[in-house]
């Protein structure tokens, strides 16, 4: 395991960042709001001992579901490494900014389309955006979900950038070393190079199935980083393609990052490029769970539910059979009625 060098200033800055950051919001490498994990980070950064953190995480992770002790220890090492790397990088940048050695450039003008449920009308927004099918249907579902969320006292947002240029797609495909699956490539070229949607309900009262949030961030320029993240998990934890639990992480293209460290991706070995769920610590039923027969099919099914999750324990309520999410099943109908999507 690597040991990161840092002086007292860096260590102090890391501890200050821990104090300032709301881990319940960032969900950094853990279940949201887990104070035990946060206390482990405090102690590890104070003592600058990555190995100590990994050892303690073994005990912590025994509460989660792993197949073998070897997998558990590999997961602990990977989480410790990621925690140190993330905070070390942020702390160093924070110090350089404070000392005036670097500066943050002014943000570029944002010409993305945004939907505000308090001010905007869905039909007017669709006319200004003018997306071709099937994307128009997706956007309408997202807007209705934001309206429903607002009616229940929640908050949300929707941001849609302009379509990608062919040369932008070609550059990402060069970085990945392969062409994008057809439906995903078409989405970036015909609809948007980056689209972000999210909503959250107040903690109380809890709706059916304890679902209180939904959304995603899908960006062309994030695919290479997401693929690196997937490959890091494969190398560190899921290295055996012959193991059914491990194989769910192999030969995939990661598209959506889940806050808890899981990924949603496209199965490159399936005929149509079905969309699957990759969990790093969930049960066997969730690992490799099919969510849609291709990217378009997945987005259509998921959007009709307001894109709940994307955590696997939310999505699995609505997965029926090998086809993926059933937006018209009994559970889906109960959710949509409660949330106000009907």
C-alpha atoms as a PDB file:
ATOM      1  CA  UNK A   1       0.000   0.000   0.000  1.00  0.00           C
ATOM      2  CA  UNK A   2       1.244   3.428  -0.857  1.00  0.00           C
ATOM      3  CA  UNK A   3       2.043   5.999   1.788  1.00  0.00           C
ATOM      4  CA  UNK A   4       1.286   9.603   0.893  1.00  0.00           C
ATOM      5  CA  UNK A   5       3.702  12.260   2.042  1.00  0.00           C
ATOM      6  CA  UNK A   6       2.248  15.336   3.644  1.00  0.00           C
ATOM      7  CA  UNK A   7       3.529  17.909   6.086  1.00  0.00           C
ATOM      8  CA  UNK A   8       1.699  19.286   9.121  1.00  0.00           C
ATOM      9  CA  UNK A   9       0.006  21.979   7.027  1.00  0.00           C
ATOM     10  CA  UNK A  10      -1.490  19.420   4.662  1.00  0.00           C
ATOM     11  CA  UNK A  11      -2.615  17.214   7.566  1.00  0.00           C
ATOM     12  CA  UNK A  12      -4.239  20.184   9.293  1.00  0.00           C
ATOM     13  CA  UNK A  13      -5.975  21.185   6.088  1.00  0.00           C
ATOM     14  CA  UNK A  14      -7.330  17.673   5.578  1.00  0.00           C
ATOM     15  CA  UNK A  15      -8.771  17.664   9.081  1.00  0.00           C
ATOM     16  CA  UNK A  16     -10.307  21.085   8.507  1.00  0.00           C
ATOM     17  CA  UNK A  17     -11.895  19.884   5.282  1.00  0.00           C
ATOM     18  CA  UNK A  18     -13.368  16.914   7.122  1.00  0.00           C
ATOM     19  CA  UNK A  19     -14.837  19.317   9.644  1.00  0.00           C
ATOM     20  CA  UNK A  20     -16.313  21.558   6.960  1.00  0.00           C
ATOM     21  CA  UNK A  21     -17.585  18.940   4.547  1.00  0.00           C
ATOM     22  CA  UNK A  22     -20.977  17.366   5.081  1.00  0.00           C
ATOM     23  CA  UNK A  23     -20.359  13.672   4.494  1.00  0.00           C
ATOM     24  CA  UNK A  24     -24.088  13.018   4.699  1.00  0.00           C
ATOM     25  CA  UNK A  25     -24.321  14.943   1.450  1.00  0.00           C
ATOM     26  CA  UNK A  26     -21.127  13.822  -0.271  1.00  0.00           C
ATOM     27  CA  UNK A  27     -21.545  10.128   0.607  1.00  0.00           C
ATOM     28  CA  UNK A  28     -17.767   9.782   0.393  1.00  0.00           C
ATOM     29  CA  UNK A  29     -16.916   6.087   0.139  1.00  0.00           C
ATOM     30  CA  UNK A  30     -19.581   5.011   2.580  1.00  0.00           C
ATOM     31  CA  UNK A  31     -23.238   4.740   3.366  1.00  0.00           C
ATOM     32  CA  UNK A  32     -24.634   8.234   3.747  1.00  0.00           C
ATOM     33  CA  UNK A  33     -24.497   9.742   7.211  1.00  0.00           C
ATOM     34  CA  UNK A  34     -22.383   6.968   8.757  1.00  0.00           C
ATOM     35  CA  UNK A  35     -20.660   8.567  11.741  1.00  0.00           C
ATOM     36  CA  UNK A  36     -18.517   5.540  12.501  1.00  0.00           C
ATOM     37  CA  UNK A  37     -16.795   5.790   9.123  1.00  0.00           C
ATOM     38  CA  UNK A  38     -16.338   9.523   9.553  1.00  0.00           C
ATOM     39  CA  UNK A  39     -14.635   8.974  12.903  1.00  0.00           C
ATOM     40  CA  UNK A  40     -12.296   6.462  11.265  1.00  0.00           C
ATOM     41  CA  UNK A  41     -11.307   9.088   8.693  1.00  0.00           C
ATOM     42  CA  UNK A  42     -10.612  11.622  11.435  1.00  0.00           C
ATOM     43  CA  UNK A  43      -8.356   9.237  13.310  1.00  0.00           C
ATOM     44  CA  UNK A  44      -6.514   8.078  10.189  1.00  0.00           C
ATOM     45  CA  UNK A  45      -5.764  11.558   8.893  1.00  0.00           C
ATOM     46  CA  UNK A  46      -4.710  12.764  12.346  1.00  0.00           C
ATOM     47  CA  UNK A  47      -2.173   9.949  12.610  1.00  0.00           C
ATOM     48  CA  UNK A  48      -1.340   9.809   8.863  1.00  0.00           C
ATOM     49  CA  UNK A  49      -1.566   6.040   8.816  1.00  0.00           C
ATOM     50  CA  UNK A  50      -3.268   4.550   5.776  1.00  0.00           C
ATOM     51  CA  UNK A  51      -2.551   0.981   6.896  1.00  0.00           C
ATOM     52  CA  UNK A  52      -4.242   1.688  10.228  1.00  0.00           C
ATOM     53  CA  UNK A  53      -7.341   2.883   8.387  1.00  0.00           C
ATOM     54  CA  UNK A  54      -7.407  -0.228   6.199  1.00  0.00           C
ATOM     55  CA  UNK A  55      -7.167  -2.516   9.244  1.00  0.00           C
ATOM     56  CA  UNK A  56     -10.034  -0.730  10.993  1.00  0.00           C
ATOM     57  CA  UNK A  57     -12.133  -0.798   7.838  1.00  0.00           C
ATOM     58  CA  UNK A  58     -11.938  -4.592   7.791  1.00  0.00           C
ATOM     59  CA  UNK A  59     -13.967  -4.673  10.998  1.00  0.00           C
ATOM     60  CA  UNK A  60     -16.274  -1.957   9.711  1.00  0.00           C
ATOM     61  CA  UNK A  61     -16.932  -3.723   6.413  1.00  0.00           C
ATOM     62  CA  UNK A  62     -17.821  -7.027   8.059  1.00  0.00           C
ATOM     63  CA  UNK A  63     -21.228  -5.425   8.559  1.00  0.00           C
ATOM     64  CA  UNK A  64     -21.614  -5.439   4.785  1.00  0.00           C
ATOM     65  CA  UNK A  65     -21.952  -8.449   2.496  1.00  0.00           C
ATOM     66  CA  UNK A  66     -18.821 -10.000   1.027  1.00  0.00           C
ATOM     67  CA  UNK A  67     -18.190 -13.480  -0.259  1.00  0.00           C
ATOM     68  CA  UNK A  68     -14.704 -14.024   1.168  1.00  0.00           C
ATOM     69  CA  UNK A  69     -12.334 -12.561   3.729  1.00  0.00           C
ATOM     70  CA  UNK A  70      -9.898 -11.828   0.898  1.00  0.00           C
ATOM     71  CA  UNK A  71     -12.493  -9.707  -0.892  1.00  0.00           C
ATOM     72  CA  UNK A  72     -13.283  -7.884   2.324  1.00  0.00           C
ATOM     73  CA  UNK A  73      -9.649  -6.969   2.929  1.00  0.00           C
ATOM     74  CA  UNK A  74      -9.178  -5.913  -0.685  1.00  0.00           C
ATOM     75  CA  UNK A  75     -12.199  -3.642  -0.356  1.00  0.00           C
ATOM     76  CA  UNK A  76     -10.809  -2.119   2.840  1.00  0.00           C
ATOM     77  CA  UNK A  77      -7.450  -1.396   1.190  1.00  0.00           C
ATOM     78  CA  UNK A  78      -9.137   0.172  -1.837  1.00  0.00           C
ATOM     79  CA  UNK A  79     -11.374   2.404   0.291  1.00  0.00           C
ATOM     80  CA  UNK A  80      -8.440   3.550   2.428  1.00  0.00           C
ATOM     81  CA  UNK A  81      -6.395   4.384  -0.672  1.00  0.00           C
ATOM     82  CA  UNK A  82      -9.246   6.316  -2.251  1.00  0.00           C
ATOM     83  CA  UNK A  83      -9.930   8.254   0.951  1.00  0.00           C
ATOM     84  CA  UNK A  84      -6.329   9.363   1.299  1.00  0.00           C
ATOM     85  CA  UNK A  85      -5.961  10.243  -2.378  1.00  0.00           C
ATOM     86  CA  UNK A  86      -9.153  12.299  -2.464  1.00  0.00           C
ATOM     87  CA  UNK A  87      -8.468  14.361   0.629  1.00  0.00           C
ATOM     88  CA  UNK A  88      -4.787  14.808  -0.107  1.00  0.00           C
ATOM     89  CA  UNK A  89      -5.558  16.194  -3.542  1.00  0.00           C
ATOM     90  CA  UNK A  90      -8.215  18.595  -2.263  1.00  0.00           C
ATOM     91  CA  UNK A  91      -6.042  19.772   0.626  1.00  0.00           C
ATOM     92  CA  UNK A  92      -3.081  20.525  -1.627  1.00  0.00           C
ATOM     93  CA  UNK A  93      -5.222  22.477  -4.072  1.00  0.00           C
ATOM     94  CA  UNK A  94      -6.825  24.341  -1.170  1.00  0.00           C
ATOM     95  CA  UNK A  95      -3.411  25.421   0.121  1.00  0.00           C
ATOM     96  CA  UNK A  96      -2.181  26.498  -3.306  1.00  0.00           C
ATOM     97  CA  UNK A  97      -5.289  28.623  -3.752  1.00  0.00           C
ATOM     98  CA  UNK A  98      -4.825  30.228  -0.348  1.00  0.00           C
ATOM     99  CA  UNK A  99      -1.159  31.009  -1.066  1.00  0.00           C
ATOM    100  CA  UNK A 100      -2.033  32.520  -4.439  1.00  0.00           C
ATOM    101  CA  UNK A 101       0.081  30.027  -6.370  1.00  0.00           C
ATOM    102  CA  UNK A 102      -2.833  28.991  -8.539  1.00  0.00           C
ATOM    103  CA  UNK A 103      -6.143  30.601  -9.436  1.00  0.00           C
ATOM    104  CA  UNK A 104      -9.501  29.324 -10.582  1.00  0.00           C
ATOM    105  CA  UNK A 105     -10.424  30.647 -14.042  1.00  0.00           C
ATOM    106  CA  UNK A 106     -13.719  32.423 -14.477  1.00  0.00           C
ATOM    107  CA  UNK A 107     -16.476  30.000 -15.415  1.00  0.00           C
ATOM    108  CA  UNK A 108     -17.444  29.821 -19.058  1.00  0.00           C
ATOM    109  CA  UNK A 109     -20.918  31.045 -20.011  1.00  0.00           C
ATOM    110  CA  UNK A 110     -23.470  28.334 -19.354  1.00  0.00           C
ATOM    111  CA  UNK A 111     -25.906  28.003 -22.253  1.00  0.00           C
ATOM    112  CA  UNK A 112     -27.491  24.819 -20.928  1.00  0.00           C
ATOM    113  CA  UNK A 113     -31.262  24.475 -20.635  1.00  0.00           C
ATOM    114  CA  UNK A 114     -32.627  24.409 -17.070  1.00  0.00           C
ATOM    115  CA  UNK A 115     -36.080  23.569 -15.809  1.00  0.00           C
ATOM    116  CA  UNK A 116     -37.391  25.358 -12.712  1.00  0.00           C
ATOM    117  CA  UNK A 117     -40.566  23.694 -11.365  1.00  0.00           C
ATOM    118  CA  UNK A 118     -41.516  26.902  -9.554  1.00  0.00           C
ATOM    119  CA  UNK A 119     -41.441  29.068 -12.667  1.00  0.00           C
ATOM    120  CA  UNK A 120     -41.451  26.967 -15.829  1.00  0.00           C
ATOM    121  CA  UNK A 121     -44.231  25.292 -17.729  1.00  0.00           C
ATOM    122  CA  UNK A 122     -43.443  21.789 -19.007  1.00  0.00           C
ATOM    123  CA  UNK A 123     -44.849  22.316 -22.484  1.00  0.00           C
ATOM    124  CA  UNK A 124     -43.032  25.628 -22.953  1.00  0.00           C
ATOM    125  CA  UNK A 125     -39.786  24.071 -21.773  1.00  0.00           C
ATOM    126  CA  UNK A 126     -40.157  21.187 -24.223  1.00  0.00           C
ATOM    127  CA  UNK A 127     -40.817  23.608 -27.057  1.00  0.00           C
ATOM    128  CA  UNK A 128     -37.713  25.670 -26.258  1.00  0.00           C
ATOM    129  CA  UNK A 129     -35.539  22.574 -25.909  1.00  0.00           C
ATOM    130  CA  UNK A 130     -37.195  20.808 -28.866  1.00  0.00           C
ATOM    131  CA  UNK A 131     -35.609  17.372 -28.296  1.00  0.00           C
ATOM    132  CA  UNK A 132     -36.262  14.627 -30.864  1.00  0.00           C
ATOM    133  CA  UNK A 133     -37.872  11.334 -29.814  1.00  0.00           C
ATOM    134  CA  UNK A 134     -37.362   9.412 -27.595  1.00  0.00           C
ATOM    135  CA  UNK A 135     -35.672  12.166 -25.601  1.00  0.00           C
ATOM    136  CA  UNK A 136     -38.730  14.406 -25.532  1.00  0.00           C
ATOM    137  CA  UNK A 137     -40.562  11.736 -23.548  1.00  0.00           C
ATOM    138  CA  UNK A 138     -37.671  11.372 -21.099  1.00  0.00           C
ATOM    139  CA  UNK A 139     -37.547  15.115 -20.469  1.00  0.00           C
ATOM    140  CA  UNK A 140     -41.302  15.278 -19.915  1.00  0.00           C
ATOM    141  CA  UNK A 141     -41.041  12.528 -17.290  1.00  0.00           C
ATOM    142  CA  UNK A 142     -38.189  14.350 -15.535  1.00  0.00           C
ATOM    143  CA  UNK A 143     -40.110  17.632 -15.465  1.00  0.00           C
ATOM    144  CA  UNK A 144     -43.191  15.931 -14.047  1.00  0.00           C
ATOM    145  CA  UNK A 145     -41.050  14.289 -11.365  1.00  0.00           C
ATOM    146  CA  UNK A 146     -39.681  17.699 -10.345  1.00  0.00           C
ATOM    147  CA  UNK A 147     -43.222  19.058 -10.156  1.00  0.00           C
ATOM    148  CA  UNK A 148     -44.297  16.094  -8.006  1.00  0.00           C
ATOM    149  CA  UNK A 149     -41.278  16.473  -5.751  1.00  0.00           C
ATOM    150  CA  UNK A 150     -41.971  20.171  -5.233  1.00  0.00           C
ATOM    151  CA  UNK A 151     -45.608  19.401  -4.352  1.00  0.00           C
ATOM    152  CA  UNK A 152     -44.320  17.196  -1.511  1.00  0.00           C
ATOM    153  CA  UNK A 153     -41.964  19.847  -0.169  1.00  0.00           C
ATOM    154  CA  UNK A 154     -38.838  18.557  -1.878  1.00  0.00           C
ATOM    155  CA  UNK A 155     -36.275  20.119  -4.169  1.00  0.00           C
ATOM    156  CA  UNK A 156     -34.738  19.212  -7.497  1.00  0.00           C
ATOM    157  CA  UNK A 157     -33.058  20.396 -10.662  1.00  0.00           C
ATOM    158  CA  UNK A 158     -32.677  19.553 -14.335  1.00  0.00           C
ATOM    159  CA  UNK A 159     -29.868  20.754 -16.583  1.00  0.00           C
ATOM    160  CA  UNK A 160     -29.437  19.752 -20.238  1.00  0.00           C
ATOM    161  CA  UNK A 161     -26.469  20.794 -22.375  1.00  0.00           C
ATOM    162  CA  UNK A 162     -26.454  21.025 -26.147  1.00  0.00           C
ATOM    163  CA  UNK A 163     -25.640  17.926 -28.220  1.00  0.00           C
ATOM    164  CA  UNK A 164     -22.021  16.842 -28.522  1.00  0.00           C
ATOM    165  CA  UNK A 165     -19.980  17.412 -31.652  1.00  0.00           C
ATOM    166  CA  UNK A 166     -18.900  14.313 -33.599  1.00  0.00           C
ATOM    167  CA  UNK A 167     -15.258  15.145 -32.893  1.00  0.00           C
ATOM    168  CA  UNK A 168     -15.967  15.212 -29.138  1.00  0.00           C
ATOM    169  CA  UNK A 169     -17.475  11.743 -29.308  1.00  0.00           C
ATOM    170  CA  UNK A 170     -14.544  10.530 -31.407  1.00  0.00           C
ATOM    171  CA  UNK A 171     -12.064  11.824 -28.820  1.00  0.00           C
ATOM    172  CA  UNK A 172     -13.809  10.022 -25.958  1.00  0.00           C
ATOM    173  CA  UNK A 173     -13.959   6.844 -28.029  1.00  0.00           C
ATOM    174  CA  UNK A 174     -10.212   7.211 -28.620  1.00  0.00           C
ATOM    175  CA  UNK A 175      -9.660   7.487 -24.857  1.00  0.00           C
ATOM    176  CA  UNK A 176     -11.811   4.420 -24.243  1.00  0.00           C
ATOM    177  CA  UNK A 177     -10.243   2.439 -27.067  1.00  0.00           C
ATOM    178  CA  UNK A 178     -13.618   1.468 -28.506  1.00  0.00           C
ATOM    179  CA  UNK A 179     -16.786   2.885 -30.068  1.00  0.00           C
ATOM    180  CA  UNK A 180     -19.648   3.779 -27.792  1.00  0.00           C
ATOM    181  CA  UNK A 181     -22.707   1.520 -27.875  1.00  0.00           C
ATOM    182  CA  UNK A 182     -25.060   2.783 -30.575  1.00  0.00           C
ATOM    183  CA  UNK A 183     -27.913   4.042 -28.372  1.00  0.00           C
ATOM    184  CA  UNK A 184     -25.539   5.864 -26.016  1.00  0.00           C
ATOM    185  CA  UNK A 185     -23.593   7.444 -28.866  1.00  0.00           C
ATOM    186  CA  UNK A 186     -26.836   8.574 -30.492  1.00  0.00           C
ATOM    187  CA  UNK A 187     -27.981  10.142 -27.207  1.00  0.00           C
ATOM    188  CA  UNK A 188     -24.866  12.301 -26.967  1.00  0.00           C
ATOM    189  CA  UNK A 189     -24.990  13.341 -30.626  1.00  0.00           C
ATOM    190  CA  UNK A 190     -28.732  13.956 -30.997  1.00  0.00           C
ATOM    191  CA  UNK A 191     -29.786  14.983 -27.504  1.00  0.00           C
ATOM    192  CA  UNK A 192     -27.109  16.259 -25.115  1.00  0.00           C
ATOM    193  CA  UNK A 193     -23.409  16.020 -24.301  1.00  0.00           C
ATOM    194  CA  UNK A 194     -24.275  16.188 -20.611  1.00  0.00           C
ATOM    195  CA  UNK A 195     -27.582  16.018 -18.766  1.00  0.00           C
ATOM    196  CA  UNK A 196     -28.103  16.116 -15.018  1.00  0.00           C
ATOM    197  CA  UNK A 197     -31.299  15.492 -13.099  1.00  0.00           C
ATOM    198  CA  UNK A 198     -31.954  15.112  -9.408  1.00  0.00           C
ATOM    199  CA  UNK A 199     -34.577  15.480  -6.693  1.00  0.00           C
ATOM    200  CA  UNK A 200     -34.856  14.773  -2.987  1.00  0.00           C
ATOM    201  CA  UNK A 201     -37.776  14.664  -0.581  1.00  0.00           C
ATOM    202  CA  UNK A 202     -37.772  15.763   3.043  1.00  0.00           C
ATOM    203  CA  UNK A 203     -36.685  12.990   5.403  1.00  0.00           C
ATOM    204  CA  UNK A 204     -40.172  12.678   6.873  1.00  0.00           C
ATOM    205  CA  UNK A 205     -42.586  11.286   6.036  1.00  0.00           C
ATOM    206  CA  UNK A 206     -40.897   8.434   4.213  1.00  0.00           C
ATOM    207  CA  UNK A 207     -42.678   7.392   1.019  1.00  0.00           C
ATOM    208  CA  UNK A 208     -43.278   3.787  -0.079  1.00  0.00           C
ATOM    209  CA  UNK A 209     -40.156   1.616  -0.174  1.00  0.00           C
ATOM    210  CA  UNK A 210     -38.275   4.359   1.772  1.00  0.00           C
ATOM    211  CA  UNK A 211     -37.433   6.153  -1.473  1.00  0.00           C
ATOM    212  CA  UNK A 212     -36.586   9.788  -0.931  1.00  0.00           C
ATOM    213  CA  UNK A 213     -34.348  10.710  -3.867  1.00  0.00           C
ATOM    214  CA  UNK A 214     -33.686  10.149  -7.529  1.00  0.00           C
ATOM    215  CA  UNK A 215     -31.539  11.330 -10.377  1.00  0.00           C
ATOM    216  CA  UNK A 216     -28.334  10.918 -12.337  1.00  0.00           C
ATOM    217  CA  UNK A 217     -25.491  12.734 -14.041  1.00  0.00           C
ATOM    218  CA  UNK A 218     -24.692  11.452 -17.528  1.00  0.00           C
ATOM    219  CA  UNK A 219     -21.848  13.197 -19.320  1.00  0.00           C
ATOM    220  CA  UNK A 220     -19.771  12.312 -22.358  1.00  0.00           C
ATOM    221  CA  UNK A 221     -16.659  13.841 -20.822  1.00  0.00           C
ATOM    222  CA  UNK A 222     -16.980  11.703 -17.687  1.00  0.00           C
ATOM    223  CA  UNK A 223     -16.986   8.316 -19.410  1.00  0.00           C
ATOM    224  CA  UNK A 224     -13.217   7.860 -19.429  1.00  0.00           C
ATOM    225  CA  UNK A 225     -12.992   8.611 -15.695  1.00  0.00           C
ATOM    226  CA  UNK A 226     -15.880   6.278 -14.902  1.00  0.00           C
ATOM    227  CA  UNK A 227     -14.213   3.522 -16.902  1.00  0.00           C
ATOM    228  CA  UNK A 228     -11.015   4.022 -14.925  1.00  0.00           C
ATOM    229  CA  UNK A 229     -13.035   3.719 -11.724  1.00  0.00           C
ATOM    230  CA  UNK A 230     -14.589   0.467 -12.939  1.00  0.00           C
ATOM    231  CA  UNK A 231     -11.220  -0.949 -13.893  1.00  0.00           C
ATOM    232  CA  UNK A 232      -9.771   0.041 -10.518  1.00  0.00           C
ATOM    233  CA  UNK A 233     -12.503  -1.959  -8.780  1.00  0.00           C
ATOM    234  CA  UNK A 234     -11.830  -4.919 -11.073  1.00  0.00           C
ATOM    235  CA  UNK A 235      -8.121  -4.857 -10.325  1.00  0.00           C
ATOM    236  CA  UNK A 236      -8.519  -4.342  -6.576  1.00  0.00           C
ATOM    237  CA  UNK A 237     -11.537  -6.519  -5.757  1.00  0.00           C
ATOM    238  CA  UNK A 238     -13.305  -8.209  -8.697  1.00  0.00           C
ATOM    239  CA  UNK A 239     -10.357  -9.686 -10.565  1.00  0.00           C
ATOM    240  CA  UNK A 240     -11.729 -13.193 -11.244  1.00  0.00           C
ATOM    241  CA  UNK A 241     -13.920 -13.217 -14.396  1.00  0.00           C
ATOM    242  CA  UNK A 242     -14.791 -16.843 -13.688  1.00  0.00           C
ATOM    243  CA  UNK A 243     -16.522 -15.885 -10.438  1.00  0.00           C
ATOM    244  CA  UNK A 244     -20.190 -14.988 -11.117  1.00  0.00           C
ATOM    245  CA  UNK A 245     -20.101 -12.194  -8.519  1.00  0.00           C
ATOM    246  CA  UNK A 246     -16.888 -10.760 -10.015  1.00  0.00           C
ATOM    247  CA  UNK A 247     -17.885 -11.179 -13.643  1.00  0.00           C
ATOM    248  CA  UNK A 248     -20.604  -8.516 -13.366  1.00  0.00           C
ATOM    249  CA  UNK A 249     -17.819  -5.919 -13.365  1.00  0.00           C
ATOM    250  CA  UNK A 250     -16.059  -7.293 -16.466  1.00  0.00           C
ATOM    251  CA  UNK A 251     -16.614  -6.242 -20.103  1.00  0.00           C
ATOM    252  CA  UNK A 252     -18.831  -3.302 -19.155  1.00  0.00           C
ATOM    253  CA  UNK A 253     -18.849   0.419 -19.941  1.00  0.00           C
ATOM    254  CA  UNK A 254     -19.611   2.490 -16.836  1.00  0.00           C
ATOM    255  CA  UNK A 255     -22.089   5.293 -17.531  1.00  0.00           C
ATOM    256  CA  UNK A 256     -23.601   6.386 -14.194  1.00  0.00           C
ATOM    257  CA  UNK A 257     -21.862   6.708 -10.833  1.00  0.00           C
ATOM    258  CA  UNK A 258     -23.830   5.917  -7.676  1.00  0.00           C
ATOM    259  CA  UNK A 259     -22.993   7.863  -4.516  1.00  0.00           C
ATOM    260  CA  UNK A 260     -22.151   4.738  -2.530  1.00  0.00           C
ATOM    261  CA  UNK A 261     -19.416   3.629  -4.970  1.00  0.00           C
ATOM    262  CA  UNK A 262     -21.547   1.373  -7.193  1.00  0.00           C
ATOM    263  CA  UNK A 263     -21.810   1.871 -10.955  1.00  0.00           C
ATOM    264  CA  UNK A 264     -24.443   1.478 -13.655  1.00  0.00           C
ATOM    265  CA  UNK A 265     -23.080   0.432 -17.012  1.00  0.00           C
ATOM    266  CA  UNK A 266     -23.653  -1.158 -20.375  1.00  0.00           C
ATOM    267  CA  UNK A 267     -22.879  -4.838 -20.882  1.00  0.00           C
ATOM    268  CA  UNK A 268     -20.573  -4.899 -23.908  1.00  0.00           C
ATOM    269  CA  UNK A 269     -21.016  -8.642 -24.278  1.00  0.00           C
ATOM    270  CA  UNK A 270     -24.775  -8.594 -24.744  1.00  0.00           C
ATOM    271  CA  UNK A 271     -26.346  -8.371 -28.183  1.00  0.00           C
ATOM    272  CA  UNK A 272     -28.169  -5.072 -27.620  1.00  0.00           C
ATOM    273  CA  UNK A 273     -25.954  -3.610 -24.892  1.00  0.00           C
ATOM    274  CA  UNK A 274     -28.237  -4.158 -21.908  1.00  0.00           C
ATOM    275  CA  UNK A 275     -27.818  -1.867 -18.895  1.00  0.00           C
ATOM    276  CA  UNK A 276     -26.751  -3.543 -15.648  1.00  0.00           C
ATOM    277  CA  UNK A 277     -26.040  -2.665 -12.027  1.00  0.00           C
ATOM    278  CA  UNK A 278     -22.556  -3.212 -10.562  1.00  0.00           C
ATOM    279  CA  UNK A 279     -22.479  -3.281  -6.775  1.00  0.00           C
ATOM    280  CA  UNK A 280     -19.242  -3.311  -4.784  1.00  0.00           C
ATOM    281  CA  UNK A 281     -20.771  -4.714  -1.603  1.00  0.00           C
ATOM    282  CA  UNK A 282     -24.393  -5.663  -2.242  1.00  0.00           C
ATOM    283  CA  UNK A 283     -26.073  -9.044  -2.416  1.00  0.00           C
ATOM    284  CA  UNK A 284     -25.936 -11.527  -5.258  1.00  0.00           C
ATOM    285  CA  UNK A 285     -29.422 -10.598  -6.465  1.00  0.00           C
ATOM    286  CA  UNK A 286     -28.303  -7.000  -7.014  1.00  0.00           C
ATOM    287  CA  UNK A 287     -24.977  -7.818  -8.663  1.00  0.00           C
ATOM    288  CA  UNK A 288     -25.324  -7.663 -12.445  1.00  0.00           C
ATOM    289  CA  UNK A 289     -29.040  -6.851 -12.154  1.00  0.00           C
ATOM    290  CA  UNK A 290     -30.419  -6.026 -15.612  1.00  0.00           C
ATOM    291  CA  UNK A 291     -32.164  -2.639 -15.686  1.00  0.00           C
ATOM    292  CA  UNK A 292     -33.004  -2.315 -19.380  1.00  0.00           C
ATOM    293  CA  UNK A 293     -32.371  -4.041 -22.701  1.00  0.00           C
ATOM    294  CA  UNK A 294     -30.278  -1.118 -24.020  1.00  0.00           C
ATOM    295  CA  UNK A 295     -29.562   2.457 -22.966  1.00  0.00           C
ATOM    296  CA  UNK A 296     -32.702   3.923 -24.582  1.00  0.00           C
ATOM    297  CA  UNK A 297     -34.886   1.189 -23.112  1.00  0.00           C
ATOM    298  CA  UNK A 298     -33.388   1.685 -19.642  1.00  0.00           C
ATOM    299  CA  UNK A 299     -33.860   5.460 -19.691  1.00  0.00           C
ATOM    300  CA  UNK A 300     -37.463   5.131 -20.873  1.00  0.00           C
ATOM    301  CA  UNK A 301     -38.334   2.628 -18.132  1.00  0.00           C
ATOM    302  CA  UNK A 302     -36.440   4.453 -15.392  1.00  0.00           C
ATOM    303  CA  UNK A 303     -37.712   7.916 -16.345  1.00  0.00           C
ATOM    304  CA  UNK A 304     -41.329   6.808 -15.946  1.00  0.00           C
ATOM    305  CA  UNK A 305     -40.517   6.268 -12.258  1.00  0.00           C
ATOM    306  CA  UNK A 306     -38.836   9.649 -11.879  1.00  0.00           C
ATOM    307  CA  UNK A 307     -35.391   7.972 -12.033  1.00  0.00           C
ATOM    308  CA  UNK A 308     -35.528   6.781  -8.418  1.00  0.00           C
ATOM    309  CA  UNK A 309     -32.160   6.041  -6.862  1.00  0.00           C
ATOM    310  CA  UNK A 310     -29.874   5.325  -8.596  1.00  0.00           C
ATOM    311  CA  UNK A 311     -28.944   3.151  -5.606  1.00  0.00           C
ATOM    312  CA  UNK A 312     -29.507  -0.531  -6.207  1.00  0.00           C
ATOM    313  CA  UNK A 313     -31.672  -1.032  -3.131  1.00  0.00           C
ATOM    314  CA  UNK A 314     -34.150   1.475  -4.616  1.00  0.00           C
ATOM    315  CA  UNK A 315     -34.044   0.070  -8.146  1.00  0.00           C
ATOM    316  CA  UNK A 316     -34.459  -3.575  -7.154  1.00  0.00           C
ATOM    317  CA  UNK A 317     -38.029  -2.885  -5.992  1.00  0.00           C
ATOM    318  CA  UNK A 318     -39.029  -2.384  -9.613  1.00  0.00           C
ATOM    319  CA  UNK A 319     -36.931  -4.981 -11.468  1.00  0.00           C
ATOM    320  CA  UNK A 320     -39.030  -7.897 -12.649  1.00  0.00           C
ATOM    321  CA  UNK A 321     -37.569 -10.730 -14.686  1.00  0.00           C
ATOM    322  CA  UNK A 322     -34.731 -10.518 -17.174  1.00  0.00           C
ATOM    323  CA  UNK A 323     -36.003  -7.434 -19.014  1.00  0.00           C
ATOM    324  CA  UNK A 324     -35.201  -5.002 -16.222  1.00  0.00           C
ATOM    325  CA  UNK A 325     -37.288  -2.271 -14.602  1.00  0.00           C
ATOM    326  CA  UNK A 326     -41.041  -2.700 -15.031  1.00  0.00           C
ATOM    327  CA  UNK A 327     -42.549   0.805 -14.810  1.00  0.00           C
ATOM    328  CA  UNK A 328     -46.074  -0.644 -14.957  1.00  0.00           C
ATOM    329  CA  UNK A 329     -45.779  -3.331 -12.280  1.00  0.00           C
ATOM    330  CA  UNK A 330     -47.725  -3.287  -9.024  1.00  0.00           C
ATOM    331  CA  UNK A 331     -44.876  -1.735  -7.036  1.00  0.00           C
ATOM    332  CA  UNK A 332     -44.185   0.815  -9.753  1.00  0.00           C
ATOM    333  CA  UNK A 333     -47.842   1.797  -9.885  1.00  0.00           C
ATOM    334  CA  UNK A 334     -47.952   2.176  -6.102  1.00  0.00           C
ATOM    335  CA  UNK A 335     -44.879   4.392  -6.193  1.00  0.00           C
ATOM    336  CA  UNK A 336     -46.110   6.568  -9.052  1.00  0.00           C
ATOM    337  CA  UNK A 337     -49.488   7.069  -7.386  1.00  0.00           C
ATOM    338  CA  UNK A 338     -47.865   8.104  -4.111  1.00  0.00           C
ATOM    339  CA  UNK A 339     -45.303  10.381  -5.715  1.00  0.00           C
ATOM    340  CA  UNK A 340     -47.812  12.014  -8.031  1.00  0.00           C
ATOM    341  CA  UNK A 341     -46.651  10.796 -11.439  1.00  0.00           C
ATOM    342  CA  UNK A 342     -50.126   9.643 -12.524  1.00  0.00           C
END
